[in-house]
Amino acid sequence: MHLLTVLISTVCLVQAAAFDNTRYDNLAVYWGQNSYGAVNAGDTANGQKTLSYYCQDNTIDVIPLAFVNVFFGIGGAPSMNLANTCNPTDNATFPSTALPDCSSLASDIKECQSIGKIITLSLGGATGSVGFTDDSQAESFAQTLWDDYFEGSSSTRPFGDAILDGIDLDIESGSSSYATFLSKFRSLSGNASKKYYVSSAPQCVFPDSALGATLNASDFDMVYVQFYNNPCGLQHFNTSSDWDFGLWDNWARQTSINKDVKIYVGAPASSSAAGSGYQDISSLSAIAVQMRNNFPSFGGIMLWDASEAYANNRYDQAIKEVLVAAGGTGFTYAACSAPDYASGTAYQAGSQVSYDGYIWQANYDASSTPTNDPNSEWSAISACAGGQSVSPSSTNTPTSSITPNTRSTSTRSSFTSITTSSSGVTRPSSSSSSNRHCSLVSMTTGISASPTANSGSCAGVAAWSNGIAYTAGQRVVFDNHLYTAKYWTENDTPGGKVKFYAALRQF
């Protein structure tokens, strides 16, 4: 019995130091919004349980608590809503605030931390009332959170004496002063008693419209990219022009302040967890293993959320087992096995080349140099070693044509003009095209409709108007370009930062 006690104690000690952000097999699972219960109200048995319920095994490594959804509420204090577990309506709040007293969760938080999990505080959410008016307000809010949730001192501590492990930004609108907020948080935590982590959950569309500037300016440890409810979601993994993990890998290793930041593939934990992007466990497993083997920035999987995962036959446990089997440490770069990119060559859609540390696949008929840009003709499908690392000399005209490999391709939604190639695959054309008329091009077949030559307008197509809601497929004219809406959109300027439109032709 004494030996058993010693062994158990040893295991607990190992677990207590278990979280290692350099690993490739970490699993982050959001908790707090009772996602399954919200959409399956009749199935109360599978609704969200208390936090400690999800900490009874080694499956989950990081649990972001969702959400602090109000930054400056009643009395100027933040507010937090943890759905059926703790919220301002059903629980007592601190005097003159809407901040709920969730101190009953203190023991749960400590229990989870004691077995090696980190518990972070997620800010925002899809419906959050969040944001700052200026840098001063952002710094003040960082101090407030430090005092309420971390190692500061406050009379309004929602989790009592429990101390969380970091901040997560799930900001889906606005971006002002978040870099200042994080800088202040890093300053406060710099000399603290333990390491604090900073993560974010941007949309997969790169760059993220809300967090793009903050990601570039701040020190992040983990980035949980939401590959769902987006055109670059998991459902489009086999379409190189849509799946953009390569862009995030390049950002992590070339642009991010922290060159060791880890990129997680964010996924819905069941079919009811998101509008699109859910994959059965076999499909997600294959994607996870491929990303783990192809990109050194890969850190693991993020799931939304715990209630959905548990109701879906322990989806979390199944993907964790796959991650562990794929290997938690070490990365071996694949050989740059595709032919070196040759400037001046006309490549057909689906062709693969090696260039500048990546294997690339042509999204369309391509002639430009591969580059990690969302509007590129190419997508990086794997990091690699041993290939071409410098820009080759250019030639004036294509010298050869390369036959593509077999892989699904489609027209990438972008703001560049589109023309038709001889192969029938649509691709971006040069902005210097001499075709000034508005040529209507099918986004799926590449077949041009008959335009009115040199008319300078598109007959029957209305000018874009702010305040009108457009649905997917509707066409508008704006700034001498013809655009088609990619999704439902309102007040989003064609050609702007938030890319809700695809440009068909300049005229």
Protein backbone atom coordinates (compact mmCIF):
# COMPACT_ATOMS: atom_id res chain seq x y z
CA MET A 1 0.00 0.00 0.00
CA HIS A 2 2.84 2.36 0.82
CA LEU A 3 4.45 1.65 -2.57
CA LEU A 4 1.14 2.32 -4.32
CA THR A 5 0.83 5.64 -2.51
CA VAL A 6 4.33 6.62 -3.62
CA LEU A 7 3.57 5.69 -7.22
CA ILE A 8 0.34 7.69 -7.24
CA SER A 9 2.13 10.67 -5.76
CA THR A 10 4.83 10.42 -8.40
CA VAL A 11 2.26 10.34 -11.19
CA CYS A 12 0.52 13.39 -9.76
CA LEU A 13 3.81 15.26 -9.60
CA VAL A 14 4.52 14.46 -13.23
CA GLN A 15 1.03 15.58 -14.24
CA ALA A 16 1.32 18.79 -12.26
CA ALA A 17 4.21 19.83 -14.51
CA ALA A 18 2.71 18.20 -17.58
CA PHE A 19 1.66 21.11 -19.74
CA ASP A 20 4.39 21.73 -22.28
CA ASN A 21 3.59 24.22 -25.00
CA THR A 22 6.41 22.94 -27.21
CA ARG A 23 4.58 19.67 -27.80
CA TYR A 24 2.66 18.66 -30.91
CA ASP A 25 -0.09 16.67 -29.18
CA ASN A 26 -1.81 19.22 -26.96
CA LEU A 27 -5.59 19.46 -26.81
CA ALA A 28 -7.42 22.65 -25.87
CA VAL A 29 -11.16 22.40 -25.20
CA TYR A 30 -13.40 25.37 -24.40
CA TRP A 31 -15.76 25.12 -21.44
CA GLY A 32 -18.45 27.43 -20.11
CA GLN A 33 -21.07 27.93 -22.82
CA ASN A 34 -22.95 24.60 -22.59
CA SER A 35 -22.94 24.42 -26.37
CA TYR A 36 -24.56 20.98 -26.50
CA GLY A 37 -27.28 21.89 -24.02
CA ALA A 38 -28.06 25.11 -25.85
CA VAL A 39 -28.96 23.28 -29.06
CA ASN A 40 -30.23 20.05 -27.50
CA ALA A 41 -32.44 21.38 -24.74
CA GLY A 42 -34.33 18.10 -24.40
CA ASP A 43 -31.17 16.14 -23.57
CA THR A 44 -30.34 17.57 -20.15
CA ALA A 45 -28.26 14.53 -19.23
CA ASN A 46 -25.56 15.56 -21.69
CA GLY A 47 -25.56 19.25 -20.87
CA GLN A 48 -22.52 21.02 -19.46
CA LYS A 49 -21.17 19.57 -16.21
CA THR A 50 -19.04 21.29 -13.63
CA LEU A 51 -15.47 22.08 -14.64
CA SER A 52 -13.80 19.32 -12.62
CA TYR A 53 -15.91 16.71 -14.44
CA TYR A 54 -13.78 17.31 -17.53
CA CYS A 55 -10.48 16.99 -15.66
CA GLN A 56 -10.71 13.37 -14.58
CA ASP A 57 -8.25 11.98 -17.12
CA ASN A 58 -5.25 13.07 -19.19
CA THR A 59 -7.22 13.95 -22.33
CA ILE A 60 -7.52 17.74 -22.15
CA ASP A 61 -4.46 19.94 -21.61
CA VAL A 62 -5.90 23.46 -21.80
CA ILE A 63 -9.37 24.65 -20.81
CA PRO A 64 -10.27 28.23 -21.73
CA LEU A 65 -13.23 29.41 -19.60
CA ALA A 66 -15.77 31.08 -21.90
CA PHE A 67 -16.49 33.96 -21.59
CA VAL A 68 -15.86 37.30 -19.99
CA ASN A 69 -18.38 38.74 -22.42
CA VAL A 70 -18.66 42.31 -21.07
CA PHE A 71 -15.61 44.49 -20.44
CA PHE A 72 -17.23 47.56 -18.92
CA GLY A 73 -20.66 46.84 -17.53
CA ILE A 74 -22.60 47.98 -14.48
CA GLY A 75 -20.39 50.03 -12.20
CA GLY A 76 -17.65 49.92 -14.83
CA ALA A 77 -16.90 46.30 -13.92
CA PRO A 78 -16.60 43.35 -16.29
CA SER A 79 -19.17 40.59 -16.43
CA MET A 80 -18.91 36.89 -17.11
CA ASN A 81 -21.38 34.29 -18.33
CA LEU A 82 -20.66 30.59 -17.90
CA ALA A 83 -24.14 29.50 -19.03
CA ASN A 84 -25.79 26.92 -16.77
CA THR A 85 -22.84 26.86 -14.35
CA CYS A 86 -22.56 30.51 -13.31
CA ASN A 87 -24.07 33.68 -14.75
CA PRO A 88 -25.27 37.13 -13.62
CA THR A 89 -28.96 36.14 -13.75
CA ASP A 90 -28.98 32.95 -11.70
CA ASN A 91 -26.07 33.67 -9.37
CA ALA A 92 -25.31 36.40 -6.88
CA THR A 93 -23.31 39.32 -8.21
CA PHE A 94 -20.83 41.58 -6.49
CA PRO A 95 -22.40 44.83 -5.18
CA SER A 96 -23.19 47.44 -7.84
CA THR A 97 -21.89 45.18 -10.67
CA ALA A 98 -23.09 42.42 -12.99
CA LEU A 99 -20.02 40.30 -12.18
CA PRO A 100 -21.24 36.94 -10.85
CA ASP A 101 -19.78 35.34 -7.77
CA CYS A 102 -18.57 31.97 -9.12
CA SER A 103 -16.37 31.17 -6.12
CA SER A 104 -17.87 27.67 -6.01
CA LEU A 105 -15.66 26.93 -9.01
CA ALA A 106 -12.45 27.70 -7.12
CA SER A 107 -11.99 24.11 -5.99
CA ASP A 108 -12.66 22.83 -9.52
CA ILE A 109 -10.03 25.14 -10.97
CA LYS A 110 -7.46 24.07 -8.40
CA GLU A 111 -8.25 20.41 -8.94
CA CYS A 112 -7.74 20.69 -12.69
CA GLN A 113 -4.50 22.60 -12.19
CA SER A 114 -3.23 20.05 -9.71
CA ILE A 115 -3.26 17.35 -12.37
CA GLY A 116 -1.36 19.37 -14.93
CA LYS A 117 -4.01 21.25 -16.86
CA ILE A 118 -3.93 24.98 -17.43
CA ILE A 119 -7.14 26.97 -17.03
CA THR A 120 -7.28 30.24 -18.93
CA LEU A 121 -9.79 33.09 -19.15
CA SER A 122 -11.37 33.60 -22.56
CA LEU A 123 -12.54 37.09 -23.45
CA GLY A 124 -15.19 37.97 -25.99
CA GLY A 125 -17.22 35.38 -27.83
CA ALA A 126 -19.49 35.90 -30.81
CA THR A 127 -21.93 38.13 -28.93
CA GLY A 128 -19.60 39.81 -26.47
CA SER A 129 -19.85 43.50 -25.57
CA VAL A 130 -16.13 44.07 -25.65
CA GLY A 131 -13.48 46.51 -26.80
CA PHE A 132 -11.63 49.65 -25.74
CA THR A 133 -11.96 53.32 -26.49
CA ASP A 134 -8.23 53.94 -26.18
CA ASP A 135 -4.95 52.51 -24.89
CA SER A 136 -5.50 53.90 -21.40
CA GLN A 137 -8.75 51.99 -21.03
CA ALA A 138 -7.05 48.83 -22.33
CA GLU A 139 -4.30 49.08 -19.71
CA SER A 140 -6.86 49.73 -16.98
CA PHE A 141 -8.81 46.63 -18.01
CA ALA A 142 -5.67 44.49 -17.91
CA GLN A 143 -5.09 45.65 -14.34
CA THR A 144 -8.71 44.86 -13.43
CA LEU A 145 -8.45 41.31 -14.76
CA TRP A 146 -5.09 40.83 -13.06
CA ASP A 147 -6.64 41.83 -9.76
CA ASP A 148 -9.85 39.81 -10.24
CA TYR A 149 -8.54 36.56 -11.77
CA PHE A 150 -4.79 36.36 -11.32
CA GLU A 151 -2.23 37.40 -8.70
CA GLY A 152 -3.60 40.85 -7.91
CA SER A 153 -5.85 41.78 -5.04
CA SER A 154 -9.54 42.68 -5.32
CA SER A 155 -12.81 42.48 -3.40
CA THR A 156 -14.51 41.21 -6.58
CA ARG A 157 -12.77 37.94 -7.36
CA PRO A 158 -15.26 35.69 -9.19
CA PHE A 159 -13.24 32.52 -8.50
CA GLY A 160 -12.18 33.41 -4.98
CA ASP A 161 -8.56 32.55 -4.26
CA ALA A 162 -8.13 30.43 -7.42
CA ILE A 163 -5.56 31.89 -9.81
CA LEU A 164 -5.99 31.25 -13.52
CA ASP A 165 -3.15 30.48 -15.95
CA GLY A 166 -3.57 32.99 -18.74
CA ILE A 167 -5.68 35.01 -21.17
CA ASP A 168 -7.41 33.92 -24.37
CA LEU A 169 -8.79 36.37 -26.93
CA ASP A 170 -11.87 35.19 -28.81
CA ILE A 171 -12.51 38.61 -30.29
CA GLU A 172 -14.76 38.54 -33.34
CA SER A 173 -15.24 42.27 -33.97
CA GLY A 174 -13.10 45.35 -33.48
CA SER A 175 -9.39 45.32 -32.79
CA SER A 176 -8.43 48.61 -31.17
CA SER A 177 -5.85 48.55 -28.34
CA TYR A 178 -5.75 44.77 -27.76
CA ALA A 179 -1.98 44.85 -28.28
CA THR A 180 -1.74 47.47 -25.51
CA PHE A 181 -3.96 45.34 -23.29
CA LEU A 182 -1.73 42.29 -23.78
CA SER A 183 1.44 44.31 -23.28
CA LYS A 184 0.12 45.45 -19.91
CA PHE A 185 -0.88 41.91 -18.99
CA ARG A 186 2.59 40.64 -19.92
CA SER A 187 4.13 43.40 -17.82
CA LEU A 188 2.02 42.45 -14.79
CA SER A 189 2.74 38.74 -15.17
CA GLY A 190 6.44 39.12 -15.99
CA ASN A 191 7.60 38.75 -12.40
CA ALA A 192 4.76 36.55 -11.20
CA SER A 193 4.98 33.25 -9.39
CA LYS A 194 4.35 31.12 -12.48
CA LYS A 195 4.25 31.29 -16.26
CA TYR A 196 1.14 32.84 -17.78
CA TYR A 197 -0.04 31.95 -21.26
CA VAL A 198 -1.62 34.14 -23.93
CA SER A 199 -3.71 32.61 -26.70
CA SER A 200 -6.20 33.72 -29.33
CA ALA A 201 -8.89 32.15 -31.47
CA PRO A 202 -8.92 33.93 -34.86
CA GLN A 203 -11.00 32.89 -37.84
CA CYS A 204 -9.07 30.85 -40.40
CA VAL A 205 -9.47 33.55 -43.06
CA PHE A 206 -6.02 35.14 -43.16
CA PRO A 207 -5.38 37.73 -41.93
CA ASP A 208 -8.10 37.73 -39.28
CA SER A 209 -10.18 40.90 -39.61
CA ALA A 210 -10.48 41.44 -35.85
CA LEU A 211 -7.18 40.15 -34.50
CA GLY A 212 -4.74 40.37 -37.41
CA ALA A 213 -2.91 43.49 -36.20
CA THR A 214 -2.87 42.26 -32.60
CA LEU A 215 -1.42 38.91 -33.63
CA ASN A 216 1.43 40.69 -35.40
CA ALA A 217 2.14 43.07 -32.52
CA SER A 218 1.81 40.82 -29.46
CA ASP A 219 3.52 37.84 -27.87
CA PHE A 220 1.24 34.80 -28.22
CA ASP A 221 1.93 31.28 -27.00
CA MET A 222 -0.93 29.49 -28.77
CA VAL A 223 -3.26 30.40 -31.63
CA TYR A 224 -6.44 28.33 -31.91
CA VAL A 225 -7.43 28.94 -35.53
CA GLN A 226 -11.16 28.42 -36.08
CA PHE A 227 -11.32 26.15 -39.11
CA TYR A 228 -15.11 26.10 -39.00
CA ASN A 229 -17.96 28.40 -40.01
CA ASN A 230 -15.56 29.70 -42.65
CA PRO A 231 -14.78 29.11 -46.35
CA CYS A 232 -11.33 27.87 -45.28
CA GLY A 233 -12.90 25.36 -42.89
CA LEU A 234 -12.12 21.70 -42.39
CA GLN A 235 -14.78 20.75 -44.93
CA HIS A 236 -12.48 22.21 -47.60
CA PHE A 237 -9.30 20.52 -46.45
CA ASN A 238 -8.79 18.76 -49.79
CA THR A 239 -9.04 22.01 -51.73
CA SER A 240 -5.64 23.65 -51.65
CA SER A 241 -6.99 27.07 -52.60
CA ASP A 242 -9.25 27.08 -49.53
CA TRP A 243 -7.24 25.27 -46.85
CA ASP A 244 -4.70 27.79 -45.56
CA PHE A 245 -2.80 26.24 -42.65
CA GLY A 246 0.35 27.02 -44.61
CA LEU A 247 -0.36 30.75 -44.28
CA TRP A 248 -0.65 30.39 -40.50
CA ASP A 249 2.54 28.31 -40.31
CA ASN A 250 4.42 30.96 -42.26
CA TRP A 251 3.00 33.69 -40.01
CA ALA A 252 4.08 31.76 -36.92
CA ARG A 253 7.66 31.23 -38.08
CA GLN A 254 8.28 34.46 -39.97
CA THR A 255 6.01 37.24 -38.65
CA SER A 256 4.95 36.41 -35.10
CA ILE A 257 6.91 38.06 -32.28
CA ASN A 258 7.15 34.62 -30.69
CA LYS A 259 8.67 32.40 -33.36
CA ASP A 260 7.80 29.36 -31.22
CA VAL A 261 4.08 30.11 -31.12
CA LYS A 262 1.97 27.02 -31.70
CA ILE A 263 -0.89 26.86 -34.20
CA TYR A 264 -3.83 24.62 -33.31
CA VAL A 265 -6.44 23.33 -35.73
CA GLY A 266 -9.73 24.51 -34.25
CA ALA A 267 -12.62 22.11 -34.88
CA PRO A 268 -16.25 21.60 -33.82
CA ALA A 269 -16.57 18.68 -31.39
CA SER A 270 -19.84 17.52 -32.93
CA SER A 271 -22.22 18.29 -35.77
CA SER A 272 -24.28 20.57 -33.53
CA ALA A 273 -21.27 22.60 -32.38
CA ALA A 274 -20.96 24.73 -35.54
CA GLY A 275 -22.74 25.59 -38.76
CA SER A 276 -20.01 24.03 -40.90
CA GLY A 277 -16.65 22.34 -40.53
CA TYR A 278 -17.50 19.30 -38.42
CA GLN A 279 -15.58 16.18 -39.45
CA ASP A 280 -16.06 12.64 -38.24
CA ILE A 281 -13.24 11.45 -36.04
CA SER A 282 -11.59 9.50 -38.85
CA SER A 283 -11.40 12.58 -41.09
CA LEU A 284 -10.19 14.91 -38.35
CA SER A 285 -7.59 12.36 -37.33
CA ALA A 286 -6.18 12.19 -40.85
CA ILE A 287 -6.02 15.98 -41.05
CA ALA A 288 -4.38 16.28 -37.64
CA VAL A 289 -1.68 13.74 -38.45
CA GLN A 290 -0.94 15.35 -41.81
CA MET A 291 -0.63 18.83 -40.30
CA ARG A 292 1.53 17.48 -37.47
CA ASN A 293 3.89 15.89 -39.99
CA ASN A 294 3.89 18.77 -42.47
CA PHE A 295 4.22 21.94 -40.38
CA PRO A 296 6.57 22.59 -37.44
CA SER A 297 4.28 25.22 -35.89
CA PHE A 298 1.48 22.69 -35.36
CA GLY A 299 0.64 22.40 -31.67
CA GLY A 300 -2.46 20.24 -31.54
CA ILE A 301 -6.22 20.50 -31.78
CA MET A 302 -8.71 22.95 -30.26
CA LEU A 303 -12.31 21.82 -29.80
CA TRP A 304 -15.55 23.71 -29.29
CA ASP A 305 -16.65 22.64 -26.73
CA ALA A 306 -16.40 20.20 -23.81
CA SER A 307 -20.12 19.41 -23.61
CA GLU A 308 -20.26 18.68 -27.34
CA ALA A 309 -17.19 16.43 -27.20
CA TYR A 310 -18.45 14.34 -24.29
CA ALA A 311 -21.91 13.94 -25.84
CA ASN A 312 -20.25 12.84 -29.10
CA ASN A 313 -18.76 9.61 -27.76
CA ARG A 314 -15.80 11.37 -26.14
CA TYR A 315 -14.66 12.97 -29.38
CA ASP A 316 -11.97 14.73 -27.35
CA GLN A 317 -10.50 11.47 -26.13
CA ALA A 318 -10.48 9.96 -29.61
CA ILE A 319 -8.55 12.84 -31.17
CA LYS A 320 -6.15 13.05 -28.22
CA GLU A 321 -5.22 9.40 -28.71
CA VAL A 322 -4.46 10.11 -32.37
CA LEU A 323 -2.29 13.11 -31.47
CA VAL A 324 -0.33 11.11 -28.91
CA ALA A 325 0.20 8.26 -31.37
CA ALA A 326 1.50 10.72 -33.97
CA GLY A 327 4.21 11.84 -31.54
CA GLY A 328 4.32 14.68 -29.05
CA THR A 329 7.93 15.72 -29.55
CA GLY A 330 10.35 16.20 -32.42
CA PHE A 331 9.78 17.39 -35.96
CA THR A 332 11.45 16.09 -39.09
CA TYR A 333 11.14 18.26 -42.17
CA ALA A 334 9.98 16.41 -45.25
CA ALA A 335 12.31 16.49 -48.20
CA CYS A 336 11.49 19.12 -50.81
CA SER A 337 10.54 16.32 -53.19
CA ALA A 338 8.61 18.38 -55.73
CA PRO A 339 10.59 19.92 -58.61
CA ASP A 340 12.14 23.31 -57.87
CA TYR A 341 10.02 26.24 -58.95
CA ALA A 342 11.24 27.63 -62.26
CA SER A 343 10.46 31.25 -63.00
CA GLY A 344 8.86 31.79 -66.38
CA THR A 345 7.18 28.40 -66.37
CA ALA A 346 3.44 28.09 -66.95
CA TYR A 347 2.13 25.67 -64.31
CA GLN A 348 -1.25 24.03 -64.57
CA ALA A 349 -3.65 23.93 -61.61
CA GLY A 350 -2.61 21.20 -59.17
CA SER A 351 1.09 21.30 -60.06
CA GLN A 352 3.49 21.05 -57.14
CA VAL A 353 6.85 22.76 -56.75
CA SER A 354 9.48 23.25 -54.06
CA TYR A 355 10.47 26.77 -53.16
CA ASP A 356 11.70 28.72 -50.12
CA GLY A 357 11.22 25.97 -47.55
CA TYR A 358 7.78 24.77 -48.68
CA ILE A 359 6.15 22.41 -51.13
CA TRP A 360 3.52 24.42 -52.98
CA GLN A 361 0.47 23.48 -55.00
CA ALA A 362 -0.93 25.66 -57.77
CA ASN A 363 -4.49 26.72 -57.00
CA TYR A 364 -5.06 27.68 -60.63
CA ASP A 365 -2.96 27.86 -63.75
CA ALA A 366 -0.01 29.73 -62.25
CA SER A 367 2.99 31.68 -63.44
CA SER A 368 3.88 33.86 -60.44
CA THR A 369 6.46 33.06 -57.76
CA PRO A 370 5.00 31.06 -54.85
CA THR A 371 4.39 33.29 -51.86
CA ASN A 372 2.54 33.04 -48.57
CA ASP A 373 -0.16 35.51 -49.44
CA PRO A 374 -3.93 34.88 -49.25
CA ASN A 375 -4.30 36.00 -52.87
CA SER A 376 -1.42 33.93 -54.20
CA GLU A 377 -1.78 31.51 -57.09
CA TRP A 378 -0.10 28.97 -54.81
CA SER A 379 -0.77 27.35 -51.42
CA ALA A 380 1.92 25.91 -49.17
CA ILE A 381 0.95 22.30 -48.43
CA SER A 382 4.04 21.30 -46.43
CA ALA A 383 7.19 22.75 -44.97
CA CYS A 384 10.25 21.02 -46.40
CA ALA A 385 14.03 20.94 -46.33
CA GLY A 386 16.58 20.91 -49.14
CA GLY A 387 14.70 22.81 -51.82
CA GLN A 388 15.25 26.11 -53.54
CA SER A 389 15.69 28.94 -51.04
CA VAL A 390 16.46 31.94 -53.23
CA SER A 391 14.44 33.64 -55.91
CA PRO A 392 15.37 32.18 -59.32
CA SER A 393 16.23 34.45 -62.21
CA SER A 394 13.19 35.52 -64.14
CA THR A 395 12.48 35.17 -67.82
CA ASN A 396 10.13 37.18 -69.95
CA THR A 397 8.00 34.39 -71.37
CA PRO A 398 6.92 30.93 -70.17
CA THR A 399 9.26 28.24 -71.36
CA SER A 400 7.37 25.08 -70.47
CA SER A 401 4.09 23.72 -69.20
CA ILE A 402 3.85 21.40 -66.19
CA THR A 403 1.19 18.69 -65.91
CA PRO A 404 -0.62 18.87 -62.57
CA ASN A 405 -0.78 16.21 -59.90
CA THR A 406 -4.24 14.84 -59.17
CA ARG A 407 -5.82 16.77 -56.31
CA SER A 408 -9.04 18.68 -55.82
CA THR A 409 -8.85 22.34 -56.83
CA SER A 410 -11.34 25.16 -57.00
CA THR A 411 -11.42 28.86 -57.64
CA ARG A 412 -10.14 30.75 -54.61
CA SER A 413 -12.43 33.49 -53.39
CA SER A 414 -10.42 36.69 -53.57
CA PHE A 415 -10.49 40.30 -54.69
CA THR A 416 -8.28 39.84 -57.70
CA SER A 417 -9.70 39.98 -61.20
CA ILE A 418 -10.42 36.63 -62.75
CA THR A 419 -9.90 35.50 -66.33
CA THR A 420 -10.18 32.21 -68.14
CA SER A 421 -7.25 30.01 -69.10
CA SER A 422 -7.08 27.61 -71.99
CA SER A 423 -7.48 24.72 -69.57
CA GLY A 424 -10.84 26.00 -68.35
CA VAL A 425 -9.62 26.59 -64.80
CA THR A 426 -10.21 30.09 -63.49
CA ARG A 427 -7.28 31.98 -62.05
CA PRO A 428 -6.38 35.55 -61.07
CA SER A 429 -5.28 37.74 -63.95
CA SER A 430 -2.90 40.65 -64.00
CA SER A 431 -4.37 43.95 -62.86
CA SER A 432 -2.86 45.48 -65.98
CA SER A 433 -5.27 43.63 -68.26
CA SER A 434 -6.24 45.64 -71.31
CA ASN A 435 -9.78 44.22 -71.29
CA ARG A 436 -11.58 47.25 -69.89
CA HIS A 437 -15.08 45.95 -70.46
CA CYS A 438 -16.96 43.99 -67.78
CA SER A 439 -16.64 40.33 -68.75
CA LEU A 440 -18.90 38.11 -66.64
CA VAL A 441 -16.97 34.99 -65.72
CA SER A 442 -18.49 31.87 -64.20
CA MET A 443 -16.77 31.13 -60.91
CA THR A 444 -17.26 27.39 -61.35
CA THR A 445 -16.79 26.72 -65.04
CA GLY A 446 -14.59 29.56 -66.21
CA ILE A 447 -16.93 30.21 -69.14
CA SER A 448 -17.28 33.88 -70.07
CA ALA A 449 -20.66 35.37 -70.80
CA SER A 450 -20.93 37.68 -73.75
CA PRO A 451 -20.06 41.18 -72.56
CA THR A 452 -20.97 44.44 -74.13
CA ALA A 453 -17.60 45.30 -75.64
CA ASN A 454 -15.87 48.28 -74.09
CA SER A 455 -19.12 49.40 -72.52
CA GLY A 456 -17.43 50.37 -69.26
CA SER A 457 -20.36 48.96 -67.24
CA CYS A 458 -22.32 45.79 -66.59
CA ALA A 459 -25.83 45.94 -67.94
CA GLY A 460 -28.40 45.10 -65.30
CA VAL A 461 -25.90 44.96 -62.41
CA ALA A 462 -26.59 47.55 -59.72
CA ALA A 463 -23.94 49.59 -57.97
CA TRP A 464 -23.02 48.40 -54.47
CA SER A 465 -24.92 50.29 -51.78
CA ASN A 466 -24.02 50.54 -48.10
CA GLY A 467 -26.86 49.29 -45.92
CA ILE A 468 -28.22 46.72 -48.37
CA ALA A 469 -27.91 43.06 -47.39
CA TYR A 470 -26.53 40.91 -50.22
CA THR A 471 -26.76 37.14 -50.40
CA ALA A 472 -24.22 34.71 -51.82
CA GLY A 473 -23.99 34.99 -55.59
CA GLN A 474 -25.41 38.49 -55.96
CA ARG A 475 -23.35 40.79 -58.17
CA VAL A 476 -22.58 44.44 -57.66
CA VAL A 477 -20.47 47.10 -59.33
CA PHE A 478 -18.05 49.08 -57.17
CA ASP A 479 -15.02 51.22 -58.03
CA ASN A 480 -14.96 50.10 -61.68
CA HIS A 481 -15.03 46.42 -60.73
CA LEU A 482 -17.68 43.73 -60.89
CA TYR A 483 -17.97 41.72 -57.67
CA THR A 484 -19.99 38.73 -56.56
CA ALA A 485 -20.92 38.17 -52.90
CA LYS A 486 -19.34 35.05 -51.45
CA TYR A 487 -21.66 34.91 -48.43
CA TRP A 488 -24.47 36.92 -46.87
CA THR A 489 -23.02 40.35 -46.23
CA GLU A 490 -24.07 43.85 -45.26
CA ASN A 491 -22.02 47.06 -44.97
CA ASP A 492 -18.85 45.26 -46.13
CA THR A 493 -17.19 47.29 -48.87
CA PRO A 494 -16.17 45.18 -51.90
CA GLY A 495 -12.40 45.02 -52.06
CA GLY A 496 -12.08 45.90 -48.37
CA LYS A 497 -10.22 44.10 -45.60
CA VAL A 498 -13.09 41.73 -44.81
CA LYS A 499 -13.24 39.71 -47.99
CA PHE A 500 -16.91 38.96 -48.50
CA TYR A 501 -16.76 39.55 -52.27
CA ALA A 502 -14.88 38.00 -55.16
CA ALA A 503 -13.84 40.37 -57.94
CA LEU A 504 -14.78 39.14 -61.38
CA ARG A 505 -13.40 41.85 -63.63
CA GLN A 506 -12.04 45.35 -63.69
CA PHE A 507 -13.56 47.49 -66.41
